[in-house]
Amino acid sequence: MTADELSKVIIKGMEEKKASDIVMMDLRKVNNSITDIMIIASGNSDKQIEAISDSIEEEVKKAGESGPWRMEGKNNNQWIIMDYVNVVAHIFVKDKREFYGLEDLWGDAKITQIN
């Protein structure tokens, strides 16, 4: 599955659980980037953050792919990172997202606002 196809599946999983402020960042033309595409979304609570990550895993598996290569943050549900190698999903509680400002760190990326 290409990075673009996987991104669509991940975004679908986010939208299923009403993630807000979804942004897709294409890093393929950014020097020294860690992945091809980064997707960032926000949730209103730790329970919603967990539900969004579960929904992403479910949608990716339905699409015939395996689970994330690496996942972190599931214990505290403030910021969950799901690393699918060529696509990385970040799910934040809103105040944590503002604090870390990933969109600003990768300002050279092509940014697409999803919702």
PDB file of N, CA and C in Angstrom:
ATOM      1  N   MET A   1       0.849  -1.170   0.000  1.00  0.00           N
ATOM      2  CA  MET A   1       0.000   0.000   0.000  1.00  0.00           C
ATOM      3  C   MET A   1       0.902   1.243   0.000  1.00  0.00           C
ATOM      4  N   THR A   2       0.605   2.188  -0.850  1.00  0.00           N
ATOM      5  CA  THR A   2       1.407   3.409  -0.915  1.00  0.00           C
ATOM      6  C   THR A   2       1.131   4.305   0.291  1.00  0.00           C
ATOM      7  N   ALA A   3       2.012   5.267   0.494  1.00  0.00           N
ATOM      8  CA  ALA A   3       1.824   6.216   1.595  1.00  0.00           C
ATOM      9  C   ALA A   3       0.515   6.991   1.426  1.00  0.00           C
ATOM     10  N   ASP A   4       0.180   7.359   0.190  1.00  0.00           N
ATOM     11  CA  ASP A   4      -1.065   8.098  -0.055  1.00  0.00           C
ATOM     12  C   ASP A   4      -2.292   7.252   0.282  1.00  0.00           C
ATOM     13  N   GLU A   5      -2.272   5.982  -0.124  1.00  0.00           N
ATOM     14  CA  GLU A   5      -3.403   5.083   0.165  1.00  0.00           C
ATOM     15  C   GLU A   5      -3.548   4.859   1.674  1.00  0.00           C
ATOM     16  N   LEU A   6      -2.410   4.623   2.339  1.00  0.00           N
ATOM     17  CA  LEU A   6      -2.431   4.401   3.780  1.00  0.00           C
ATOM     18  C   LEU A   6      -2.927   5.651   4.506  1.00  0.00           C
ATOM     19  N   SER A   7      -2.531   6.824   4.026  1.00  0.00           N
ATOM     20  CA  SER A   7      -2.989   8.081   4.633  1.00  0.00           C
ATOM     21  C   SER A   7      -4.499   8.194   4.601  1.00  0.00           C
ATOM     22  N   LYS A   8      -5.105   7.828   3.479  1.00  0.00           N
ATOM     23  CA  LYS A   8      -6.564   7.894   3.358  1.00  0.00           C
ATOM     24  C   LYS A   8      -7.240   6.968   4.363  1.00  0.00           C
ATOM     25  N   VAL A   9      -6.669   5.788   4.563  1.00  0.00           N
ATOM     26  CA  VAL A   9      -7.228   4.827   5.513  1.00  0.00           C
ATOM     27  C   VAL A   9      -7.100   5.361   6.939  1.00  0.00           C
ATOM     28  N   ILE A  10      -5.954   5.929   7.262  1.00  0.00           N
ATOM     29  CA  ILE A  10      -5.732   6.483   8.601  1.00  0.00           C
ATOM     30  C   ILE A  10      -6.683   7.650   8.858  1.00  0.00           C
ATOM     31  N   ILE A  11      -6.843   8.520   7.871  1.00  0.00           N
ATOM     32  CA  ILE A  11      -7.762   9.656   8.021  1.00  0.00           C
ATOM     33  C   ILE A  11      -9.191   9.162   8.208  1.00  0.00           C
ATOM     34  N   LYS A  12      -9.571   8.111   7.488  1.00  0.00           N
ATOM     35  CA  LYS A  12     -10.911   7.538   7.670  1.00  0.00           C
ATOM     36  C   LYS A  12     -11.099   7.073   9.117  1.00  0.00           C
ATOM     37  N   GLY A  13     -10.088   6.410   9.661  1.00  0.00           N
ATOM     38  CA  GLY A  13     -10.155   5.960  11.054  1.00  0.00           C
ATOM     39  C   GLY A  13     -10.294   7.119  12.020  1.00  0.00           C
ATOM     40  N   MET A  14      -9.606   8.216  11.728  1.00  0.00           N
ATOM     41  CA  MET A  14      -9.713   9.411  12.572  1.00  0.00           C
ATOM     42  C   MET A  14     -11.113  10.005  12.489  1.00  0.00           C
ATOM     43  N   GLU A  15     -11.631  10.113  11.284  1.00  0.00           N
ATOM     44  CA  GLU A  15     -12.946  10.711  11.087  1.00  0.00           C
ATOM     45  C   GLU A  15     -14.058   9.863  11.700  1.00  0.00           C
ATOM     46  N   GLU A  16     -13.878   8.542  11.723  1.00  0.00           N
ATOM     47  CA  GLU A  16     -14.886   7.649  12.313  1.00  0.00           C
ATOM     48  C   GLU A  16     -15.165   7.993  13.779  1.00  0.00           C
ATOM     49  N   LYS A  17     -14.146   8.489  14.460  1.00  0.00           N
ATOM     50  CA  LYS A  17     -14.290   8.818  15.888  1.00  0.00           C
ATOM     51  C   LYS A  17     -14.257  10.327  16.126  1.00  0.00           C
ATOM     52  N   LYS A  18     -14.626  11.080  15.090  1.00  0.00           N
ATOM     53  CA  LYS A  18     -14.828  12.530  15.194  1.00  0.00           C
ATOM     54  C   LYS A  18     -13.580  13.298  15.637  1.00  0.00           C
ATOM     55  N   ALA A  19     -12.410  12.879  15.151  1.00  0.00           N
ATOM     56  CA  ALA A  19     -11.191  13.652  15.399  1.00  0.00           C
ATOM     57  C   ALA A  19     -11.357  15.028  14.769  1.00  0.00           C
ATOM     58  N   SER A  20     -10.766  16.029  15.394  1.00  0.00           N
ATOM     59  CA  SER A  20     -10.893  17.386  14.863  1.00  0.00           C
ATOM     60  C   SER A  20      -9.542  17.904  14.379  1.00  0.00           C
ATOM     61  N   ASP A  21      -9.605  18.944  13.565  1.00  0.00           N
ATOM     62  CA  ASP A  21      -8.419  19.643  13.078  1.00  0.00           C
ATOM     63  C   ASP A  21      -7.396  18.668  12.487  1.00  0.00           C
ATOM     64  N   ILE A  22      -7.847  17.809  11.582  1.00  0.00           N
ATOM     65  CA  ILE A  22      -6.955  16.834  10.955  1.00  0.00           C
ATOM     66  C   ILE A  22      -6.129  17.545   9.888  1.00  0.00           C
ATOM     67  N   VAL A  23      -4.816  17.347   9.965  1.00  0.00           N
ATOM     68  CA  VAL A  23      -3.886  17.956   9.025  1.00  0.00           C
ATOM     69  C   VAL A  23      -2.978  16.863   8.469  1.00  0.00           C
ATOM     70  N   MET A  24      -2.773  16.870   7.154  1.00  0.00           N
ATOM     71  CA  MET A  24      -1.846  15.938   6.520  1.00  0.00           C
ATOM     72  C   MET A  24      -0.648  16.734   6.025  1.00  0.00           C
ATOM     73  N   MET A  25       0.536  16.294   6.395  1.00  0.00           N
ATOM     74  CA  MET A  25       1.766  16.970   6.013  1.00  0.00           C
ATOM     75  C   MET A  25       2.588  16.048   5.119  1.00  0.00           C
ATOM     76  N   ASP A  26       2.809  16.460   3.871  1.00  0.00           N
ATOM     77  CA  ASP A  26       3.605  15.681   2.932  1.00  0.00           C
ATOM     78  C   ASP A  26       5.065  16.100   3.098  1.00  0.00           C
ATOM     79  N   LEU A  27       5.875  15.189   3.599  1.00  0.00           N
ATOM     80  CA  LEU A  27       7.275  15.473   3.905  1.00  0.00           C
ATOM     81  C   LEU A  27       8.237  14.893   2.866  1.00  0.00           C
ATOM     82  N   ARG A  28       7.723  14.377   1.774  1.00  0.00           N
ATOM     83  CA  ARG A  28       8.584  13.700   0.802  1.00  0.00           C
ATOM     84  C   ARG A  28       9.630  14.614   0.180  1.00  0.00           C
ATOM     85  N   LYS A  29       9.366  15.915   0.130  1.00  0.00           N
ATOM     86  CA  LYS A  29      10.332  16.845  -0.462  1.00  0.00           C
ATOM     87  C   LYS A  29      11.102  17.637   0.600  1.00  0.00           C
ATOM     88  N   VAL A  30      10.967  17.243   1.848  1.00  0.00           N
ATOM     89  CA  VAL A  30      11.659  17.916   2.947  1.00  0.00           C
ATOM     90  C   VAL A  30      12.926  17.125   3.274  1.00  0.00           C
ATOM     91  N   ASN A  31      14.050  17.800   3.269  1.00  0.00           N
ATOM     92  CA  ASN A  31      15.318  17.141   3.588  1.00  0.00           C
ATOM     93  C   ASN A  31      15.301  16.572   4.999  1.00  0.00           C
ATOM     94  N   ASN A  32      15.874  15.390   5.136  1.00  0.00           N
ATOM     95  CA  ASN A  32      16.027  14.713   6.427  1.00  0.00           C
ATOM     96  C   ASN A  32      14.716  14.432   7.146  1.00  0.00           C
ATOM     97  N   SER A  33      13.628  14.286   6.402  1.00  0.00           N
ATOM     98  CA  SER A  33      12.359  13.976   7.059  1.00  0.00           C
ATOM     99  C   SER A  33      12.374  12.538   7.558  1.00  0.00           C
ATOM    100  N   ILE A  34      11.580  12.291   8.573  1.00  0.00           N
ATOM    101  CA  ILE A  34      11.569  10.983   9.217  1.00  0.00           C
ATOM    102  C   ILE A  34      10.547  10.031   8.607  1.00  0.00           C
ATOM    103  N   THR A  35       9.680  10.546   7.760  1.00  0.00           N
ATOM    104  CA  THR A  35       8.634   9.744   7.143  1.00  0.00           C
ATOM    105  C   THR A  35       8.168  10.446   5.872  1.00  0.00           C
ATOM    106  N   ASP A  36       7.321   9.796   5.093  1.00  0.00           N
ATOM    107  CA  ASP A  36       6.778  10.427   3.883  1.00  0.00           C
ATOM    108  C   ASP A  36       5.623  11.363   4.209  1.00  0.00           C
ATOM    109  N   ILE A  37       4.709  10.891   5.051  1.00  0.00           N
ATOM    110  CA  ILE A  37       3.518  11.662   5.384  1.00  0.00           C
ATOM    111  C   ILE A  37       3.282  11.602   6.887  1.00  0.00           C
ATOM    112  N   MET A  38       2.957  12.750   7.456  1.00  0.00           N
ATOM    113  CA  MET A  38       2.602  12.837   8.860  1.00  0.00           C
ATOM    114  C   MET A  38       1.165  13.358   8.932  1.00  0.00           C
ATOM    115  N   ILE A  39       0.343  12.700   9.730  1.00  0.00           N
ATOM    116  CA  ILE A  39      -1.044  13.122   9.905  1.00  0.00           C
ATOM    117  C   ILE A  39      -1.232  13.457  11.382  1.00  0.00           C
ATOM    118  N   ILE A  40      -1.795  14.632  11.617  1.00  0.00           N
ATOM    119  CA  ILE A  40      -1.985  15.106  12.989  1.00  0.00           C
ATOM    120  C   ILE A  40      -3.478  15.365  13.208  1.00  0.00           C
ATOM    121  N   ALA A  41      -3.975  14.940  14.355  1.00  0.00           N
ATOM    122  CA  ALA A  41      -5.388  15.167  14.680  1.00  0.00           C
ATOM    123  C   ALA A  41      -5.516  15.456  16.171  1.00  0.00           C
ATOM    124  N   SER A  42      -6.647  16.043  16.532  1.00  0.00           N
ATOM    125  CA  SER A  42      -6.918  16.358  17.931  1.00  0.00           C
ATOM    126  C   SER A  42      -8.182  15.657  18.399  1.00  0.00           C
ATOM    127  N   GLY A  43      -8.215  15.407  19.708  1.00  0.00           N
ATOM    128  CA  GLY A  43      -9.404  14.887  20.354  1.00  0.00           C
ATOM    129  C   GLY A  43      -9.677  15.700  21.600  1.00  0.00           C
ATOM    130  N   ASN A  44     -10.864  15.566  22.143  1.00  0.00           N
ATOM    131  CA  ASN A  44     -11.272  16.375  23.286  1.00  0.00           C
ATOM    132  C   ASN A  44     -10.940  15.764  24.641  1.00  0.00           C
ATOM    133  N   SER A  45     -10.667  14.465  24.666  1.00  0.00           N
ATOM    134  CA  SER A  45     -10.422  13.799  25.952  1.00  0.00           C
ATOM    135  C   SER A  45      -9.494  12.610  25.742  1.00  0.00           C
ATOM    136  N   ASP A  46      -8.986  12.089  26.856  1.00  0.00           N
ATOM    137  CA  ASP A  46      -8.125  10.914  26.748  1.00  0.00           C
ATOM    138  C   ASP A  46      -8.895   9.715  26.200  1.00  0.00           C
ATOM    139  N   LYS A  47     -10.169   9.602  26.529  1.00  0.00           N
ATOM    140  CA  LYS A  47     -10.991   8.499  26.003  1.00  0.00           C
ATOM    141  C   LYS A  47     -11.155   8.619  24.484  1.00  0.00           C
ATOM    142  N   GLN A  48     -11.368   9.843  23.992  1.00  0.00           N
ATOM    143  CA  GLN A  48     -11.513  10.021  22.548  1.00  0.00           C
ATOM    144  C   GLN A  48     -10.186   9.747  21.839  1.00  0.00           C
ATOM    145  N   ILE A  49      -9.076  10.157  22.431  1.00  0.00           N
ATOM    146  CA  ILE A  49      -7.756   9.898  21.843  1.00  0.00           C
ATOM    147  C   ILE A  49      -7.565   8.390  21.680  1.00  0.00           C
ATOM    148  N   GLU A  50      -7.905   7.645  22.710  1.00  0.00           N
ATOM    149  CA  GLU A  50      -7.779   6.186  22.658  1.00  0.00           C
ATOM    150  C   GLU A  50      -8.704   5.600  21.596  1.00  0.00           C
ATOM    151  N   ALA A  51      -9.932   6.089  21.524  1.00  0.00           N
ATOM    152  CA  ALA A  51     -10.892   5.589  20.528  1.00  0.00           C
ATOM    153  C   ALA A  51     -10.410   5.877  19.108  1.00  0.00           C
ATOM    154  N   ILE A  52      -9.817   7.037  18.900  1.00  0.00           N
ATOM    155  CA  ILE A  52      -9.294   7.382  17.567  1.00  0.00           C
ATOM    156  C   ILE A  52      -8.168   6.428  17.187  1.00  0.00           C
ATOM    157  N   SER A  53      -7.259   6.165  18.099  1.00  0.00           N
ATOM    158  CA  SER A  53      -6.145   5.256  17.771  1.00  0.00           C
ATOM    159  C   SER A  53      -6.648   3.841  17.507  1.00  0.00           C
ATOM    160  N   ASP A  54      -7.635   3.393  18.282  1.00  0.00           N
ATOM    161  CA  ASP A  54      -8.216   2.066  18.051  1.00  0.00           C
ATOM    162  C   ASP A  54      -8.887   2.007  16.677  1.00  0.00           C
ATOM    163  N   SER A  55      -9.571   3.071  16.308  1.00  0.00           N
ATOM    164  CA  SER A  55     -10.256   3.129  15.020  1.00  0.00           C
ATOM    165  C   SER A  55      -9.261   3.103  13.862  1.00  0.00           C
ATOM    166  N   ILE A  56      -8.141   3.805  14.023  1.00  0.00           N
ATOM    167  CA  ILE A  56      -7.097   3.780  12.985  1.00  0.00           C
ATOM    168  C   ILE A  56      -6.587   2.357  12.803  1.00  0.00           C
ATOM    169  N   GLU A  57      -6.256   1.691  13.900  1.00  0.00           N
ATOM    170  CA  GLU A  57      -5.760   0.308  13.817  1.00  0.00           C
ATOM    171  C   GLU A  57      -6.767  -0.597  13.118  1.00  0.00           C
ATOM    172  N   GLU A  58      -8.030  -0.445  13.469  1.00  0.00           N
ATOM    173  CA  GLU A  58      -9.087  -1.265  12.882  1.00  0.00           C
ATOM    174  C   GLU A  58      -9.199  -1.023  11.369  1.00  0.00           C
ATOM    175  N   GLU A  59      -9.199   0.243  10.948  1.00  0.00           N
ATOM    176  CA  GLU A  59      -9.328   0.565   9.528  1.00  0.00           C
ATOM    177  C   GLU A  59      -8.114   0.077   8.726  1.00  0.00           C
ATOM    178  N   VAL A  60      -6.933   0.216   9.303  1.00  0.00           N
ATOM    179  CA  VAL A  60      -5.716  -0.233   8.618  1.00  0.00           C
ATOM    180  C   VAL A  60      -5.740  -1.756   8.457  1.00  0.00           C
ATOM    181  N   LYS A  61      -6.166  -2.466   9.476  1.00  0.00           N
ATOM    182  CA  LYS A  61      -6.242  -3.933   9.385  1.00  0.00           C
ATOM    183  C   LYS A  61      -7.309  -4.358   8.382  1.00  0.00           C
ATOM    184  N   LYS A  62      -8.454  -3.645   8.348  1.00  0.00           N
ATOM    185  CA  LYS A  62      -9.498  -3.944   7.348  1.00  0.00           C
ATOM    186  C   LYS A  62      -8.969  -3.752   5.935  1.00  0.00           C
ATOM    187  N   ALA A  63      -8.044  -2.818   5.771  1.00  0.00           N
ATOM    188  CA  ALA A  63      -7.469  -2.538   4.449  1.00  0.00           C
ATOM    189  C   ALA A  63      -6.369  -3.539   4.080  1.00  0.00           C
ATOM    190  N   GLY A  64      -6.109  -4.498   4.970  1.00  0.00           N
ATOM    191  CA  GLY A  64      -5.157  -5.554   4.655  1.00  0.00           C
ATOM    192  C   GLY A  64      -3.731  -5.299   5.098  1.00  0.00           C
ATOM    193  N   GLU A  65      -3.530  -4.271   5.882  1.00  0.00           N
ATOM    194  CA  GLU A  65      -2.191  -3.958   6.382  1.00  0.00           C
ATOM    195  C   GLU A  65      -2.056  -4.427   7.826  1.00  0.00           C
ATOM    196  N   SER A  66      -0.824  -4.540   8.277  1.00  0.00           N
ATOM    197  CA  SER A  66      -0.599  -4.942   9.667  1.00  0.00           C
ATOM    198  C   SER A  66      -0.634  -3.719  10.577  1.00  0.00           C
ATOM    199  N   GLY A  67      -0.560  -3.971  11.857  1.00  0.00           N
ATOM    200  CA  GLY A  67      -0.594  -2.890  12.836  1.00  0.00           C
ATOM    201  C   GLY A  67       0.623  -1.991  12.707  1.00  0.00           C
ATOM    202  N   PRO A  68       0.670  -0.950  13.510  1.00  0.00           N
ATOM    203  CA  PRO A  68       1.802  -0.028  13.420  1.00  0.00           C
ATOM    204  C   PRO A  68       3.112  -0.711  13.781  1.00  0.00           C
ATOM    205  N   TRP A  69       4.180  -0.255  13.137  1.00  0.00           N
ATOM    206  CA  TRP A  69       5.509  -0.759  13.434  1.00  0.00           C
ATOM    207  C   TRP A  69       5.859  -0.432  14.878  1.00  0.00           C
ATOM    208  N   ARG A  70       5.421   0.763  15.286  1.00  0.00           N
ATOM    209  CA  ARG A  70       5.666   1.198  16.659  1.00  0.00           C
ATOM    210  C   ARG A  70       4.546   2.137  17.093  1.00  0.00           C
ATOM    211  N   MET A  71       4.167   2.056  18.349  1.00  0.00           N
ATOM    212  CA  MET A  71       3.139   2.948  18.875  1.00  0.00           C
ATOM    213  C   MET A  71       3.544   3.350  20.292  1.00  0.00           C
ATOM    214  N   GLU A  72       3.365   4.632  20.609  1.00  0.00           N
ATOM    215  CA  GLU A  72       3.682   5.117  21.935  1.00  0.00           C
ATOM    216  C   GLU A  72       2.584   6.048  22.425  1.00  0.00           C
ATOM    217  N   GLY A  73       2.440   6.131  23.736  1.00  0.00           N
ATOM    218  CA  GLY A  73       1.508   7.064  24.342  1.00  0.00           C
ATOM    219  C   GLY A  73       0.176   6.475  24.745  1.00  0.00           C
ATOM    220  N   LYS A  74      -0.025   5.205  24.487  1.00  0.00           N
ATOM    221  CA  LYS A  74      -1.316   4.579  24.779  1.00  0.00           C
ATOM    222  C   LYS A  74      -1.582   4.518  26.293  1.00  0.00           C
ATOM    223  N   ASN A  75      -0.535   4.607  27.100  1.00  0.00           N
ATOM    224  CA  ASN A  75      -0.703   4.538  28.560  1.00  0.00           C
ATOM    225  C   ASN A  75      -1.315   5.799  29.147  1.00  0.00           C
ATOM    226  N   ASN A  76      -0.986   6.968  28.558  1.00  0.00           N
ATOM    227  CA  ASN A  76      -1.511   8.200  29.146  1.00  0.00           C
ATOM    228  C   ASN A  76      -2.564   8.881  28.283  1.00  0.00           C
ATOM    229  N   ASN A  77      -2.641   8.515  27.004  1.00  0.00           N
ATOM    230  CA  ASN A  77      -3.659   9.025  26.081  1.00  0.00           C
ATOM    231  C   ASN A  77      -3.712  10.556  25.998  1.00  0.00           C
ATOM    232  N   GLN A  78      -2.573  11.199  26.108  1.00  0.00           N
ATOM    233  CA  GLN A  78      -2.483  12.637  25.891  1.00  0.00           C
ATOM    234  C   GLN A  78      -1.934  12.920  24.490  1.00  0.00           C
ATOM    235  N   TRP A  79      -1.057  12.023  24.035  1.00  0.00           N
ATOM    236  CA  TRP A  79      -0.438  12.131  22.718  1.00  0.00           C
ATOM    237  C   TRP A  79      -0.060  10.717  22.297  1.00  0.00           C
ATOM    238  N   ILE A  80      -0.749  10.187  21.317  1.00  0.00           N
ATOM    239  CA  ILE A  80      -0.451   8.842  20.820  1.00  0.00           C
ATOM    240  C   ILE A  80       0.210   8.971  19.453  1.00  0.00           C
ATOM    241  N   ILE A  81       1.334   8.291  19.301  1.00  0.00           N
ATOM    242  CA  ILE A  81       2.050   8.261  18.027  1.00  0.00           C
ATOM    243  C   ILE A  81       1.924   6.853  17.461  1.00  0.00           C
ATOM    244  N   MET A  82       1.465   6.777  16.211  1.00  0.00           N
ATOM    245  CA  MET A  82       1.333   5.490  15.527  1.00  0.00           C
ATOM    246  C   MET A  82       2.228   5.541  14.293  1.00  0.00           C
ATOM    247  N   ASP A  83       3.295   4.750  14.311  1.00  0.00           N
ATOM    248  CA  ASP A  83       4.302   4.779  13.253  1.00  0.00           C
ATOM    249  C   ASP A  83       4.097   3.606  12.308  1.00  0.00           C
ATOM    250  N   TYR A  84       3.635   3.919  11.109  1.00  0.00           N
ATOM    251  CA  TYR A  84       3.468   2.916  10.061  1.00  0.00           C
ATOM    252  C   TYR A  84       4.608   3.013   9.044  1.00  0.00           C
ATOM    253  N   VAL A  85       5.757   3.523   9.453  1.00  0.00           N
ATOM    254  CA  VAL A  85       6.998   3.717   8.713  1.00  0.00           C
ATOM    255  C   VAL A  85       6.874   4.846   7.689  1.00  0.00           C
ATOM    256  N   ASN A  86       6.116   4.646   6.600  1.00  0.00           N
ATOM    257  CA  ASN A  86       6.018   5.719   5.604  1.00  0.00           C
ATOM    258  C   ASN A  86       4.911   6.720   5.920  1.00  0.00           C
ATOM    259  N   VAL A  87       4.089   6.420   6.922  1.00  0.00           N
ATOM    260  CA  VAL A  87       3.069   7.351   7.414  1.00  0.00           C
ATOM    261  C   VAL A  87       3.086   7.283   8.942  1.00  0.00           C
ATOM    262  N   VAL A  88       3.136   8.457   9.560  1.00  0.00           N
ATOM    263  CA  VAL A  88       3.105   8.535  11.023  1.00  0.00           C
ATOM    264  C   VAL A  88       1.889   9.363  11.428  1.00  0.00           C
ATOM    265  N   ALA A  89       1.075   8.811  12.333  1.00  0.00           N
ATOM    266  CA  ALA A  89      -0.109   9.509  12.827  1.00  0.00           C
ATOM    267  C   ALA A  89       0.142   9.986  14.251  1.00  0.00           C
ATOM    268  N   HIS A  90      -0.204  11.234  14.509  1.00  0.00           N
ATOM    269  CA  HIS A  90      -0.123  11.823  15.843  1.00  0.00           C
ATOM    270  C   HIS A  90      -1.534  12.206  16.259  1.00  0.00           C
ATOM    271  N   ILE A  91      -1.947  11.761  17.436  1.00  0.00           N
ATOM    272  CA  ILE A  91      -3.274  12.102  17.956  1.00  0.00           C
ATOM    273  C   ILE A  91      -3.061  12.773  19.306  1.00  0.00           C
ATOM    274  N   PHE A  92      -3.503  14.013  19.400  1.00  0.00           N
ATOM    275  CA  PHE A  92      -3.257  14.821  20.588  1.00  0.00           C
ATOM    276  C   PHE A  92      -4.540  15.227  21.284  1.00  0.00           C
ATOM    277  N   VAL A  93      -4.459  15.401  22.605  1.00  0.00           N
ATOM    278  CA  VAL A  93      -5.423  16.219  23.316  1.00  0.00           C
ATOM    279  C   VAL A  93      -5.060  17.647  22.916  1.00  0.00           C
ATOM    280  N   LYS A  94      -6.056  18.502  22.716  1.00  0.00           N
ATOM    281  CA  LYS A  94      -5.844  19.814  22.094  1.00  0.00           C
ATOM    282  C   LYS A  94      -4.734  20.653  22.723  1.00  0.00           C
ATOM    283  N   ASP A  95      -4.678  20.743  24.040  1.00  0.00           N
ATOM    284  CA  ASP A  95      -3.658  21.604  24.651  1.00  0.00           C
ATOM    285  C   ASP A  95      -2.245  21.073  24.425  1.00  0.00           C
ATOM    286  N   LYS A  96      -2.075  19.753  24.374  1.00  0.00           N
ATOM    287  CA  LYS A  96      -0.752  19.166  24.097  1.00  0.00           C
ATOM    288  C   LYS A  96      -0.332  19.459  22.662  1.00  0.00           C
ATOM    289  N   ARG A  97      -1.275  19.425  21.749  1.00  0.00           N
ATOM    290  CA  ARG A  97      -0.958  19.709  20.351  1.00  0.00           C
ATOM    291  C   ARG A  97      -0.441  21.138  20.204  1.00  0.00           C
ATOM    292  N   GLU A  98      -1.109  22.066  20.850  1.00  0.00           N
ATOM    293  CA  GLU A  98      -0.671  23.464  20.795  1.00  0.00           C
ATOM    294  C   GLU A  98       0.713  23.619  21.416  1.00  0.00           C
ATOM    295  N   PHE A  99       0.963  22.918  22.506  1.00  0.00           N
ATOM    296  CA  PHE A  99       2.239  23.022  23.201  1.00  0.00           C
ATOM    297  C   PHE A  99       3.401  22.544  22.323  1.00  0.00           C
ATOM    298  N   TYR A 100       3.228  21.399  21.653  1.00  0.00           N
ATOM    299  CA  TYR A 100       4.323  20.826  20.872  1.00  0.00           C
ATOM    300  C   TYR A 100       4.460  21.443  19.475  1.00  0.00           C
ATOM    301  N   GLY A 101       3.400  21.928  18.885  1.00  0.00           N
ATOM    302  CA  GLY A 101       3.457  22.654  17.624  1.00  0.00           C
ATOM    303  C   GLY A 101       4.168  21.943  16.483  1.00  0.00           C
ATOM    304  N   LEU A 102       3.827  20.691  16.230  1.00  0.00           N
ATOM    305  CA  LEU A 102       4.499  19.936  15.165  1.00  0.00           C
ATOM    306  C   LEU A 102       4.368  20.582  13.789  1.00  0.00           C
ATOM    307  N   GLU A 103       3.232  21.209  13.529  1.00  0.00           N
ATOM    308  CA  GLU A 103       3.053  21.856  12.230  1.00  0.00           C
ATOM    309  C   GLU A 103       4.121  22.922  12.002  1.00  0.00           C
ATOM    310  N   ASP A 104       4.507  23.618  13.077  1.00  0.00           N
ATOM    311  CA  ASP A 104       5.537  24.652  12.967  1.00  0.00           C
ATOM    312  C   ASP A 104       6.922  24.036  12.771  1.00  0.00           C
ATOM    313  N   LEU A 105       7.167  22.895  13.419  1.00  0.00           N
ATOM    314  CA  LEU A 105       8.471  22.240  13.284  1.00  0.00           C
ATOM    315  C   LEU A 105       8.735  21.770  11.851  1.00  0.00           C
ATOM    316  N   TRP A 106       7.675  21.346  11.168  1.00  0.00           N
ATOM    317  CA  TRP A 106       7.798  20.841   9.803  1.00  0.00           C
ATOM    318  C   TRP A 106       7.168  21.824   8.824  1.00  0.00           C
ATOM    319  N   GLY A 107       7.476  23.092   8.986  1.00  0.00           N
ATOM    320  CA  GLY A 107       6.888  24.158   8.183  1.00  0.00           C
ATOM    321  C   GLY A 107       7.171  24.067   6.695  1.00  0.00           C
ATOM    322  N   ASP A 108       8.233  23.336   6.301  1.00  0.00           N
ATOM    323  CA  ASP A 108       8.559  23.183   4.878  1.00  0.00           C
ATOM    324  C   ASP A 108       7.668  22.170   4.172  1.00  0.00           C
ATOM    325  N   ALA A 109       6.914  21.424   4.932  1.00  0.00           N
ATOM    326  CA  ALA A 109       6.050  20.384   4.349  1.00  0.00           C
ATOM    327  C   ALA A 109       4.866  21.007   3.624  1.00  0.00           C
ATOM    328  N   LYS A 110       4.336  20.247   2.671  1.00  0.00           N
ATOM    329  CA  LYS A 110       3.082  20.638   2.032  1.00  0.00           C
ATOM    330  C   LYS A 110       1.967  20.229   2.990  1.00  0.00           C
ATOM    331  N   ILE A 111       1.214  21.203   3.496  1.00  0.00           N
ATOM    332  CA  ILE A 111       0.197  20.942   4.512  1.00  0.00           C
ATOM    333  C   ILE A 111      -1.202  21.017   3.891  1.00  0.00           C
ATOM    334  N   THR A 112      -1.986  19.973   4.137  1.00  0.00           N
ATOM    335  CA  THR A 112      -3.360  19.910   3.668  1.00  0.00           C
ATOM    336  C   THR A 112      -4.280  19.799   4.876  1.00  0.00           C
ATOM    337  N   GLN A 113      -5.191  20.747   5.007  1.00  0.00           N
ATOM    338  CA  GLN A 113      -6.182  20.718   6.094  1.00  0.00           C
ATOM    339  C   GLN A 113      -7.303  19.778   5.658  1.00  0.00           C
ATOM    340  N   ILE A 114      -7.610  18.771   6.463  1.00  0.00           N
ATOM    341  CA  ILE A 114      -8.644  17.786   6.130  1.00  0.00           C
ATOM    342  C   ILE A 114     -10.001  18.238   6.670  1.00  0.00           C
ATOM    343  N   ASN A 115     -10.049  18.604   7.932  1.00  0.00           N
ATOM    344  CA  ASN A 115     -11.304  19.114   8.517  1.00  0.00           C
ATOM    345  C   ASN A 115     -11.029  20.105   9.608  1.00  0.00           C
TER     346      ASN A 115
END
